[in-house]
Amino acid sequence: MSNINIDDTEIKRIASEINRYLGNHPHGGDTIDGITRWWIPRQRIEETSLLVQQALDYLVSESRIERKTSPDGRYLYFGAAPLRDDK
């Protein structure tokens, strides 16, 4: 194993991502290349996707964006139509 001086926080963060991946995929196994290429990015995408969904839900609740259902059942998001001042 390489003895590069890397911040322990970063090592623990990556270790946590690997543990979460294995928690979601208990029979998972791969090489260091596979873990680096597939596991870590996948964990980040899944976490980011959850955060993005929460942010979108918040923006919809604040009427800052609109959500419409597409024919296939997925949601589409748009900028909210500006309020008109009919004077």
PDB file of N, CA and C in Angstrom:
ATOM      1  N   MET A   1       0.839  -1.179   0.000  1.00  0.00           N
ATOM      2  CA  MET A   1       0.000   0.000   0.000  1.00  0.00           C
ATOM      3  C   MET A   1       0.881   1.238   0.000  1.00  0.00           C
ATOM      4  N   SER A   2       0.460   2.243  -0.772  1.00  0.00           N
ATOM      5  CA  SER A   2       1.204   3.484  -0.894  1.00  0.00           C
ATOM      6  C   SER A   2       1.154   4.259   0.417  1.00  0.00           C
ATOM      7  N   ASN A   3       2.239   4.937   0.730  1.00  0.00           N
ATOM      8  CA  ASN A   3       2.316   5.695   1.972  1.00  0.00           C
ATOM      9  C   ASN A   3       2.247   7.188   1.676  1.00  0.00           C
ATOM     10  N   ILE A   4       1.294   7.611   0.860  1.00  0.00           N
ATOM     11  CA  ILE A   4       1.123   9.015   0.532  1.00  0.00           C
ATOM     12  C   ILE A   4       0.408   9.685   1.699  1.00  0.00           C
ATOM     13  N   ASN A   5       0.868  10.873   2.052  1.00  0.00           N
ATOM     14  CA  ASN A   5       0.264  11.606   3.160  1.00  0.00           C
ATOM     15  C   ASN A   5      -1.006  12.300   2.673  1.00  0.00           C
ATOM     16  N   ILE A   6      -2.140  11.671   2.891  1.00  0.00           N
ATOM     17  CA  ILE A   6      -3.430  12.216   2.483  1.00  0.00           C
ATOM     18  C   ILE A   6      -4.234  12.507   3.741  1.00  0.00           C
ATOM     19  N   ASP A   7      -5.010  13.547   3.670  1.00  0.00           N
ATOM     20  CA  ASP A   7      -5.862  13.952   4.784  1.00  0.00           C
ATOM     21  C   ASP A   7      -6.726  12.782   5.246  1.00  0.00           C
ATOM     22  N   ASP A   8      -6.665  12.464   6.542  1.00  0.00           N
ATOM     23  CA  ASP A   8      -7.463  11.372   7.113  1.00  0.00           C
ATOM     24  C   ASP A   8      -8.956  11.564   6.875  1.00  0.00           C
ATOM     25  N   THR A   9      -9.404  12.797   6.854  1.00  0.00           N
ATOM     26  CA  THR A   9     -10.820  13.072   6.630  1.00  0.00           C
ATOM     27  C   THR A   9     -11.255  12.555   5.271  1.00  0.00           C
ATOM     28  N   GLU A  10     -10.441  12.779   4.260  1.00  0.00           N
ATOM     29  CA  GLU A  10     -10.760  12.314   2.911  1.00  0.00           C
ATOM     30  C   GLU A  10     -10.773  10.791   2.855  1.00  0.00           C
ATOM     31  N   ILE A  11      -9.823  10.150   3.513  1.00  0.00           N
ATOM     32  CA  ILE A  11      -9.774   8.684   3.543  1.00  0.00           C
ATOM     33  C   ILE A  11     -11.026   8.138   4.225  1.00  0.00           C
ATOM     34  N   LYS A  12     -11.405   8.736   5.341  1.00  0.00           N
ATOM     35  CA  LYS A  12     -12.599   8.279   6.061  1.00  0.00           C
ATOM     36  C   LYS A  12     -13.868   8.516   5.242  1.00  0.00           C
ATOM     37  N   ARG A  13     -13.913   9.608   4.494  1.00  0.00           N
ATOM     38  CA  ARG A  13     -15.076   9.893   3.654  1.00  0.00           C
ATOM     39  C   ARG A  13     -15.212   8.834   2.566  1.00  0.00           C
ATOM     40  N   ILE A  14     -14.099   8.484   1.924  1.00  0.00           N
ATOM     41  CA  ILE A  14     -14.127   7.456   0.879  1.00  0.00           C
ATOM     42  C   ILE A  14     -14.468   6.099   1.487  1.00  0.00           C
ATOM     43  N   ALA A  15     -13.895   5.797   2.646  1.00  0.00           N
ATOM     44  CA  ALA A  15     -14.208   4.534   3.324  1.00  0.00           C
ATOM     45  C   ALA A  15     -15.697   4.458   3.642  1.00  0.00           C
ATOM     46  N   SER A  16     -16.271   5.571   4.054  1.00  0.00           N
ATOM     47  CA  SER A  16     -17.702   5.619   4.347  1.00  0.00           C
ATOM     48  C   SER A  16     -18.525   5.373   3.083  1.00  0.00           C
ATOM     49  N   GLU A  17     -18.093   5.928   1.953  1.00  0.00           N
ATOM     50  CA  GLU A  17     -18.795   5.703   0.686  1.00  0.00           C
ATOM     51  C   GLU A  17     -18.738   4.231   0.285  1.00  0.00           C
ATOM     52  N   ILE A  18     -17.590   3.596   0.492  1.00  0.00           N
ATOM     53  CA  ILE A  18     -17.452   2.167   0.179  1.00  0.00           C
ATOM     54  C   ILE A  18     -18.382   1.353   1.075  1.00  0.00           C
ATOM     55  N   ASN A  19     -18.416   1.677   2.362  1.00  0.00           N
ATOM     56  CA  ASN A  19     -19.310   0.969   3.287  1.00  0.00           C
ATOM     57  C   ASN A  19     -20.775   1.146   2.912  1.00  0.00           C
ATOM     58  N   ARG A  20     -21.159   2.365   2.523  1.00  0.00           N
ATOM     59  CA  ARG A  20     -22.549   2.595   2.107  1.00  0.00           C
ATOM     60  C   ARG A  20     -22.870   1.806   0.846  1.00  0.00           C
ATOM     61  N   TYR A  21     -21.926   1.753  -0.083  1.00  0.00           N
ATOM     62  CA  TYR A  21     -22.156   0.981  -1.308  1.00  0.00           C
ATOM     63  C   TYR A  21     -22.395  -0.482  -0.948  1.00  0.00           C
ATOM     64  N   LEU A  22     -21.546  -1.024  -0.094  1.00  0.00           N
ATOM     65  CA  LEU A  22     -21.689  -2.429   0.303  1.00  0.00           C
ATOM     66  C   LEU A  22     -22.965  -2.654   1.114  1.00  0.00           C
ATOM     67  N   GLY A  23     -23.401  -1.650   1.851  1.00  0.00           N
ATOM     68  CA  GLY A  23     -24.670  -1.759   2.558  1.00  0.00           C
ATOM     69  C   GLY A  23     -25.838  -1.874   1.588  1.00  0.00           C
ATOM     70  N   ASN A  24     -25.737  -1.168   0.463  1.00  0.00           N
ATOM     71  CA  ASN A  24     -26.780  -1.221  -0.565  1.00  0.00           C
ATOM     72  C   ASN A  24     -26.624  -2.410  -1.505  1.00  0.00           C
ATOM     73  N   HIS A  25     -25.411  -2.950  -1.592  1.00  0.00           N
ATOM     74  CA  HIS A  25     -25.101  -4.079  -2.478  1.00  0.00           C
ATOM     75  C   HIS A  25     -24.276  -5.094  -1.687  1.00  0.00           C
ATOM     76  N   PRO A  26     -24.909  -5.842  -0.768  1.00  0.00           N
ATOM     77  CA  PRO A  26     -24.174  -6.695   0.169  1.00  0.00           C
ATOM     78  C   PRO A  26     -23.311  -7.770  -0.481  1.00  0.00           C
ATOM     79  N   HIS A  27     -23.602  -8.134  -1.710  1.00  0.00           N
ATOM     80  CA  HIS A  27     -22.796  -9.155  -2.382  1.00  0.00           C
ATOM     81  C   HIS A  27     -21.812  -8.540  -3.369  1.00  0.00           C
ATOM     82  N   GLY A  28     -21.615  -7.228  -3.271  1.00  0.00           N
ATOM     83  CA  GLY A  28     -20.725  -6.527  -4.197  1.00  0.00           C
ATOM     84  C   GLY A  28     -19.275  -6.913  -3.987  1.00  0.00           C
ATOM     85  N   GLY A  29     -18.518  -6.886  -5.056  1.00  0.00           N
ATOM     86  CA  GLY A  29     -17.090  -7.139  -5.012  1.00  0.00           C
ATOM     87  C   GLY A  29     -16.458  -6.603  -6.279  1.00  0.00           C
ATOM     88  N   ASP A  30     -15.274  -6.026  -6.185  1.00  0.00           N
ATOM     89  CA  ASP A  30     -14.627  -5.474  -7.370  1.00  0.00           C
ATOM     90  C   ASP A  30     -13.163  -5.208  -7.073  1.00  0.00           C
ATOM     91  N   THR A  31     -12.424  -4.861  -8.118  1.00  0.00           N
ATOM     92  CA  THR A  31     -11.024  -4.475  -7.986  1.00  0.00           C
ATOM     93  C   THR A  31     -10.953  -3.014  -7.567  1.00  0.00           C
ATOM     94  N   ILE A  32      -9.761  -2.545  -7.241  1.00  0.00           N
ATOM     95  CA  ILE A  32      -9.603  -1.129  -6.898  1.00  0.00           C
ATOM     96  C   ILE A  32     -10.033  -0.251  -8.066  1.00  0.00           C
ATOM     97  N   ASP A  33      -9.728  -0.690  -9.306  1.00  0.00           N
ATOM     98  CA  ASP A  33     -10.144   0.083 -10.481  1.00  0.00           C
ATOM     99  C   ASP A  33     -11.661   0.151 -10.584  1.00  0.00           C
ATOM    100  N   GLY A  34     -12.332  -0.974 -10.373  1.00  0.00           N
ATOM    101  CA  GLY A  34     -13.786  -0.999 -10.435  1.00  0.00           C
ATOM    102  C   GLY A  34     -14.423  -0.162  -9.340  1.00  0.00           C
ATOM    103  N   ILE A  35     -13.874  -0.265  -8.141  1.00  0.00           N
ATOM    104  CA  ILE A  35     -14.404   0.514  -7.017  1.00  0.00           C
ATOM    105  C   ILE A  35     -14.234   2.006  -7.292  1.00  0.00           C
ATOM    106  N   THR A  36     -13.050   2.375  -7.782  1.00  0.00           N
ATOM    107  CA  THR A  36     -12.777   3.777  -8.087  1.00  0.00           C
ATOM    108  C   THR A  36     -13.660   4.282  -9.219  1.00  0.00           C
ATOM    109  N   ARG A  37     -13.831   3.459 -10.232  1.00  0.00           N
ATOM    110  CA  ARG A  37     -14.560   3.874 -11.430  1.00  0.00           C
ATOM    111  C   ARG A  37     -16.074   3.803 -11.265  1.00  0.00           C
ATOM    112  N   TRP A  38     -16.574   2.810 -10.490  1.00  0.00           N
ATOM    113  CA  TRP A  38     -18.018   2.569 -10.443  1.00  0.00           C
ATOM    114  C   TRP A  38     -18.657   2.791  -9.078  1.00  0.00           C
ATOM    115  N   TRP A  39     -18.049   2.291  -8.026  1.00  0.00           N
ATOM    116  CA  TRP A  39     -18.707   2.362  -6.718  1.00  0.00           C
ATOM    117  C   TRP A  39     -18.772   3.788  -6.190  1.00  0.00           C
ATOM    118  N   ILE A  40     -17.626   4.445  -6.159  1.00  0.00           N
ATOM    119  CA  ILE A  40     -17.566   5.786  -5.566  1.00  0.00           C
ATOM    120  C   ILE A  40     -18.461   6.761  -6.339  1.00  0.00           C
ATOM    121  N   PRO A  41     -18.335   6.843  -7.675  1.00  0.00           N
ATOM    122  CA  PRO A  41     -19.231   7.756  -8.396  1.00  0.00           C
ATOM    123  C   PRO A  41     -20.705   7.397  -8.219  1.00  0.00           C
ATOM    124  N   ARG A  42     -21.012   6.111  -8.180  1.00  0.00           N
ATOM    125  CA  ARG A  42     -22.416   5.698  -8.038  1.00  0.00           C
ATOM    126  C   ARG A  42     -22.977   6.156  -6.700  1.00  0.00           C
ATOM    127  N   GLN A  43     -22.205   5.998  -5.636  1.00  0.00           N
ATOM    128  CA  GLN A  43     -22.651   6.451  -4.318  1.00  0.00           C
ATOM    129  C   GLN A  43     -22.908   7.951  -4.347  1.00  0.00           C
ATOM    130  N   ARG A  44     -22.005   8.694  -4.981  1.00  0.00           N
ATOM    131  CA  ARG A  44     -22.166  10.150  -5.031  1.00  0.00           C
ATOM    132  C   ARG A  44     -23.392  10.529  -5.843  1.00  0.00           C
ATOM    133  N   ILE A  45     -23.628   9.825  -6.938  1.00  0.00           N
ATOM    134  CA  ILE A  45     -24.808  10.111  -7.760  1.00  0.00           C
ATOM    135  C   ILE A  45     -26.074   9.836  -6.960  1.00  0.00           C
ATOM    136  N   GLU A  46     -26.121   8.696  -6.255  1.00  0.00           N
ATOM    137  CA  GLU A  46     -27.312   8.356  -5.474  1.00  0.00           C
ATOM    138  C   GLU A  46     -27.564   9.392  -4.382  1.00  0.00           C
ATOM    139  N   GLU A  47     -26.496   9.811  -3.705  1.00  0.00           N
ATOM    140  CA  GLU A  47     -26.648  10.802  -2.645  1.00  0.00           C
ATOM    141  C   GLU A  47     -27.040  12.150  -3.229  1.00  0.00           C
ATOM    142  N   THR A  48     -26.374  12.526  -4.326  1.00  0.00           N
ATOM    143  CA  THR A  48     -26.674  13.796  -4.969  1.00  0.00           C
ATOM    144  C   THR A  48     -28.101  13.803  -5.486  1.00  0.00           C
ATOM    145  N   SER A  49     -28.541  12.689  -6.050  1.00  0.00           N
ATOM    146  CA  SER A  49     -29.899  12.592  -6.572  1.00  0.00           C
ATOM    147  C   SER A  49     -30.921  12.830  -5.462  1.00  0.00           C
ATOM    148  N   LEU A  50     -30.689  12.265  -4.299  1.00  0.00           N
ATOM    149  CA  LEU A  50     -31.592  12.463  -3.167  1.00  0.00           C
ATOM    150  C   LEU A  50     -31.625  13.933  -2.756  1.00  0.00           C
ATOM    151  N   LEU A  51     -30.458  14.566  -2.684  1.00  0.00           N
ATOM    152  CA  LEU A  51     -30.396  15.980  -2.309  1.00  0.00           C
ATOM    153  C   LEU A  51     -31.067  16.857  -3.361  1.00  0.00           C
ATOM    154  N   VAL A  52     -30.859  16.545  -4.639  1.00  0.00           N
ATOM    155  CA  VAL A  52     -31.492  17.310  -5.713  1.00  0.00           C
ATOM    156  C   VAL A  52     -33.008  17.176  -5.615  1.00  0.00           C
ATOM    157  N   GLN A  53     -33.505  15.956  -5.358  1.00  0.00           N
ATOM    158  CA  GLN A  53     -34.950  15.762  -5.231  1.00  0.00           C
ATOM    159  C   GLN A  53     -35.511  16.598  -4.088  1.00  0.00           C
ATOM    160  N   GLN A  54     -34.808  16.620  -2.971  1.00  0.00           N
ATOM    161  CA  GLN A  54     -35.265  17.416  -1.832  1.00  0.00           C
ATOM    162  C   GLN A  54     -35.259  18.906  -2.167  1.00  0.00           C
ATOM    163  N   ALA A  55     -34.236  19.365  -2.893  1.00  0.00           N
ATOM    164  CA  ALA A  55     -34.166  20.770  -3.298  1.00  0.00           C
ATOM    165  C   ALA A  55     -35.295  21.111  -4.265  1.00  0.00           C
ATOM    166  N   LEU A  56     -35.570  20.204  -5.214  1.00  0.00           N
ATOM    167  CA  LEU A  56     -36.671  20.430  -6.155  1.00  0.00           C
ATOM    168  C   LEU A  56     -38.011  20.484  -5.427  1.00  0.00           C
ATOM    169  N   ASP A  57     -38.225  19.569  -4.492  1.00  0.00           N
ATOM    170  CA  ASP A  57     -39.466  19.569  -3.711  1.00  0.00           C
ATOM    171  C   ASP A  57     -39.634  20.890  -2.956  1.00  0.00           C
ATOM    172  N   TYR A  58     -38.542  21.373  -2.399  1.00  0.00           N
ATOM    173  CA  TYR A  58     -38.575  22.649  -1.683  1.00  0.00           C
ATOM    174  C   TYR A  58     -38.947  23.785  -2.633  1.00  0.00           C
ATOM    175  N   LEU A  59     -38.295  23.842  -3.804  1.00  0.00           N
ATOM    176  CA  LEU A  59     -38.575  24.913  -4.758  1.00  0.00           C
ATOM    177  C   LEU A  59     -40.019  24.865  -5.258  1.00  0.00           C
ATOM    178  N   VAL A  60     -40.552  23.665  -5.451  1.00  0.00           N
ATOM    179  CA  VAL A  60     -41.961  23.524  -5.841  1.00  0.00           C
ATOM    180  C   VAL A  60     -42.855  24.049  -4.719  1.00  0.00           C
ATOM    181  N   SER A  61     -42.551  23.685  -3.484  1.00  0.00           N
ATOM    182  CA  SER A  61     -43.380  24.119  -2.350  1.00  0.00           C
ATOM    183  C   SER A  61     -43.345  25.636  -2.175  1.00  0.00           C
ATOM    184  N   GLU A  62     -42.264  26.264  -2.617  1.00  0.00           N
ATOM    185  CA  GLU A  62     -42.122  27.719  -2.537  1.00  0.00           C
ATOM    186  C   GLU A  62     -42.633  28.413  -3.802  1.00  0.00           C
ATOM    187  N   SER A  63     -43.184  27.624  -4.742  1.00  0.00           N
ATOM    188  CA  SER A  63     -43.699  28.130  -6.031  1.00  0.00           C
ATOM    189  C   SER A  63     -42.627  28.831  -6.862  1.00  0.00           C
ATOM    190  N   ARG A  64     -41.387  28.411  -6.689  1.00  0.00           N
ATOM    191  CA  ARG A  64     -40.296  29.001  -7.461  1.00  0.00           C
ATOM    192  C   ARG A  64     -40.035  28.230  -8.742  1.00  0.00           C
ATOM    193  N   ILE A  65     -40.460  26.959  -8.778  1.00  0.00           N
ATOM    194  CA  ILE A  65     -40.429  26.160  -9.997  1.00  0.00           C
ATOM    195  C   ILE A  65     -41.746  25.397 -10.091  1.00  0.00           C
ATOM    196  N   GLU A  66     -42.030  24.881 -11.288  1.00  0.00           N
ATOM    197  CA  GLU A  66     -43.235  24.082 -11.492  1.00  0.00           C
ATOM    198  C   GLU A  66     -42.842  22.652 -11.821  1.00  0.00           C
ATOM    199  N   ARG A  67     -43.675  21.725 -11.373  1.00  0.00           N
ATOM    200  CA  ARG A  67     -43.461  20.308 -11.655  1.00  0.00           C
ATOM    201  C   ARG A  67     -44.661  19.817 -12.457  1.00  0.00           C
ATOM    202  N   LYS A  68     -44.360  19.151 -13.574  1.00  0.00           N
ATOM    203  CA  LYS A  68     -45.410  18.558 -14.394  1.00  0.00           C
ATOM    204  C   LYS A  68     -45.071  17.093 -14.605  1.00  0.00           C
ATOM    205  N   THR A  69     -46.098  16.286 -14.774  1.00  0.00           N
ATOM    206  CA  THR A  69     -45.899  14.858 -14.996  1.00  0.00           C
ATOM    207  C   THR A  69     -45.841  14.587 -16.490  1.00  0.00           C
ATOM    208  N   SER A  70     -44.790  13.888 -16.920  1.00  0.00           N
ATOM    209  CA  SER A  70     -44.638  13.532 -18.331  1.00  0.00           C
ATOM    210  C   SER A  70     -45.519  12.321 -18.640  1.00  0.00           C
ATOM    211  N   PRO A  71     -45.737  12.017 -19.924  1.00  0.00           N
ATOM    212  CA  PRO A  71     -46.570  10.865 -20.290  1.00  0.00           C
ATOM    213  C   PRO A  71     -46.078   9.540 -19.696  1.00  0.00           C
ATOM    214  N   ASP A  72     -44.760   9.432 -19.463  1.00  0.00           N
ATOM    215  CA  ASP A  72     -44.242   8.179 -18.897  1.00  0.00           C
ATOM    216  C   ASP A  72     -44.259   8.167 -17.369  1.00  0.00           C
ATOM    217  N   GLY A  73     -44.826   9.216 -16.764  1.00  0.00           N
ATOM    218  CA  GLY A  73     -44.979   9.244 -15.313  1.00  0.00           C
ATOM    219  C   GLY A  73     -43.860   9.940 -14.559  1.00  0.00           C
ATOM    220  N   ARG A  74     -42.778  10.287 -15.247  1.00  0.00           N
ATOM    221  CA  ARG A  74     -41.691  10.999 -14.571  1.00  0.00           C
ATOM    222  C   ARG A  74     -42.034  12.481 -14.458  1.00  0.00           C
ATOM    223  N   TYR A  75     -41.435  13.120 -13.470  1.00  0.00           N
ATOM    224  CA  TYR A  75     -41.661  14.548 -13.289  1.00  0.00           C
ATOM    225  C   TYR A  75     -40.704  15.346 -14.156  1.00  0.00           C
ATOM    226  N   LEU A  76     -41.211  16.457 -14.676  1.00  0.00           N
ATOM    227  CA  LEU A  76     -40.401  17.442 -15.386  1.00  0.00           C
ATOM    228  C   LEU A  76     -40.495  18.742 -14.600  1.00  0.00           C
ATOM    229  N   TYR A  77     -39.387  19.462 -14.517  1.00  0.00           N
ATOM    230  CA  TYR A  77     -39.344  20.690 -13.731  1.00  0.00           C
ATOM    231  C   TYR A  77     -39.056  21.874 -14.650  1.00  0.00           C
ATOM    232  N   PHE A  78     -39.740  22.983 -14.377  1.00  0.00           N
ATOM    233  CA  PHE A  78     -39.619  24.191 -15.187  1.00  0.00           C
ATOM    234  C   PHE A  78     -39.553  25.396 -14.262  1.00  0.00           C
ATOM    235  N   GLY A  79     -38.978  26.471 -14.782  1.00  0.00           N
ATOM    236  CA  GLY A  79     -39.044  27.720 -14.041  1.00  0.00           C
ATOM    237  C   GLY A  79     -40.495  28.122 -13.887  1.00  0.00           C
ATOM    238  N   ALA A  80     -40.847  28.633 -12.727  1.00  0.00           N
ATOM    239  CA  ALA A  80     -42.237  29.034 -12.484  1.00  0.00           C
ATOM    240  C   ALA A  80     -42.581  30.215 -13.373  1.00  0.00           C
ATOM    241  N   ALA A  81     -43.793  30.207 -13.874  1.00  0.00           N
ATOM    242  CA  ALA A  81     -44.260  31.332 -14.679  1.00  0.00           C
ATOM    243  C   ALA A  81     -44.282  32.574 -13.800  1.00  0.00           C
ATOM    244  N   PRO A  82     -43.765  33.684 -14.314  1.00  0.00           N
ATOM    245  CA  PRO A  82     -43.758  34.900 -13.490  1.00  0.00           C
ATOM    246  C   PRO A  82     -45.183  35.370 -13.209  1.00  0.00           C
ATOM    247  N   LEU A  83     -45.350  35.902 -12.032  1.00  0.00           N
ATOM    248  CA  LEU A  83     -46.655  36.451 -11.666  1.00  0.00           C
ATOM    249  C   LEU A  83     -46.899  37.700 -12.502  1.00  0.00           C
ATOM    250  N   ARG A  84     -48.098  37.793 -13.040  1.00  0.00           N
ATOM    251  CA  ARG A  84     -48.424  38.959 -13.866  1.00  0.00           C
ATOM    252  C   ARG A  84     -49.046  40.045 -13.000  1.00  0.00           C
ATOM    253  N   ASP A  85     -48.659  41.241 -13.310  1.00  0.00           N
ATOM    254  CA  ASP A  85     -49.231  42.398 -12.624  1.00  0.00           C
ATOM    255  C   ASP A  85     -50.165  43.080 -13.613  1.00  0.00           C
ATOM    256  N   ASP A  86     -51.439  42.715 -13.592  1.00  0.00           N
ATOM    257  CA  ASP A  86     -52.418  43.231 -14.553  1.00  0.00           C
ATOM    258  C   ASP A  86     -52.963  44.581 -14.090  1.00  0.00           C
ATOM    259  N   LYS A  87     -52.221  45.614 -14.364  1.00  0.00           N
ATOM    260  CA  LYS A  87     -52.664  46.966 -13.979  1.00  0.00           C
ATOM    261  C   LYS A  87     -53.129  47.707 -15.189  1.00  0.00           C
TER     262      LYS A  87
END
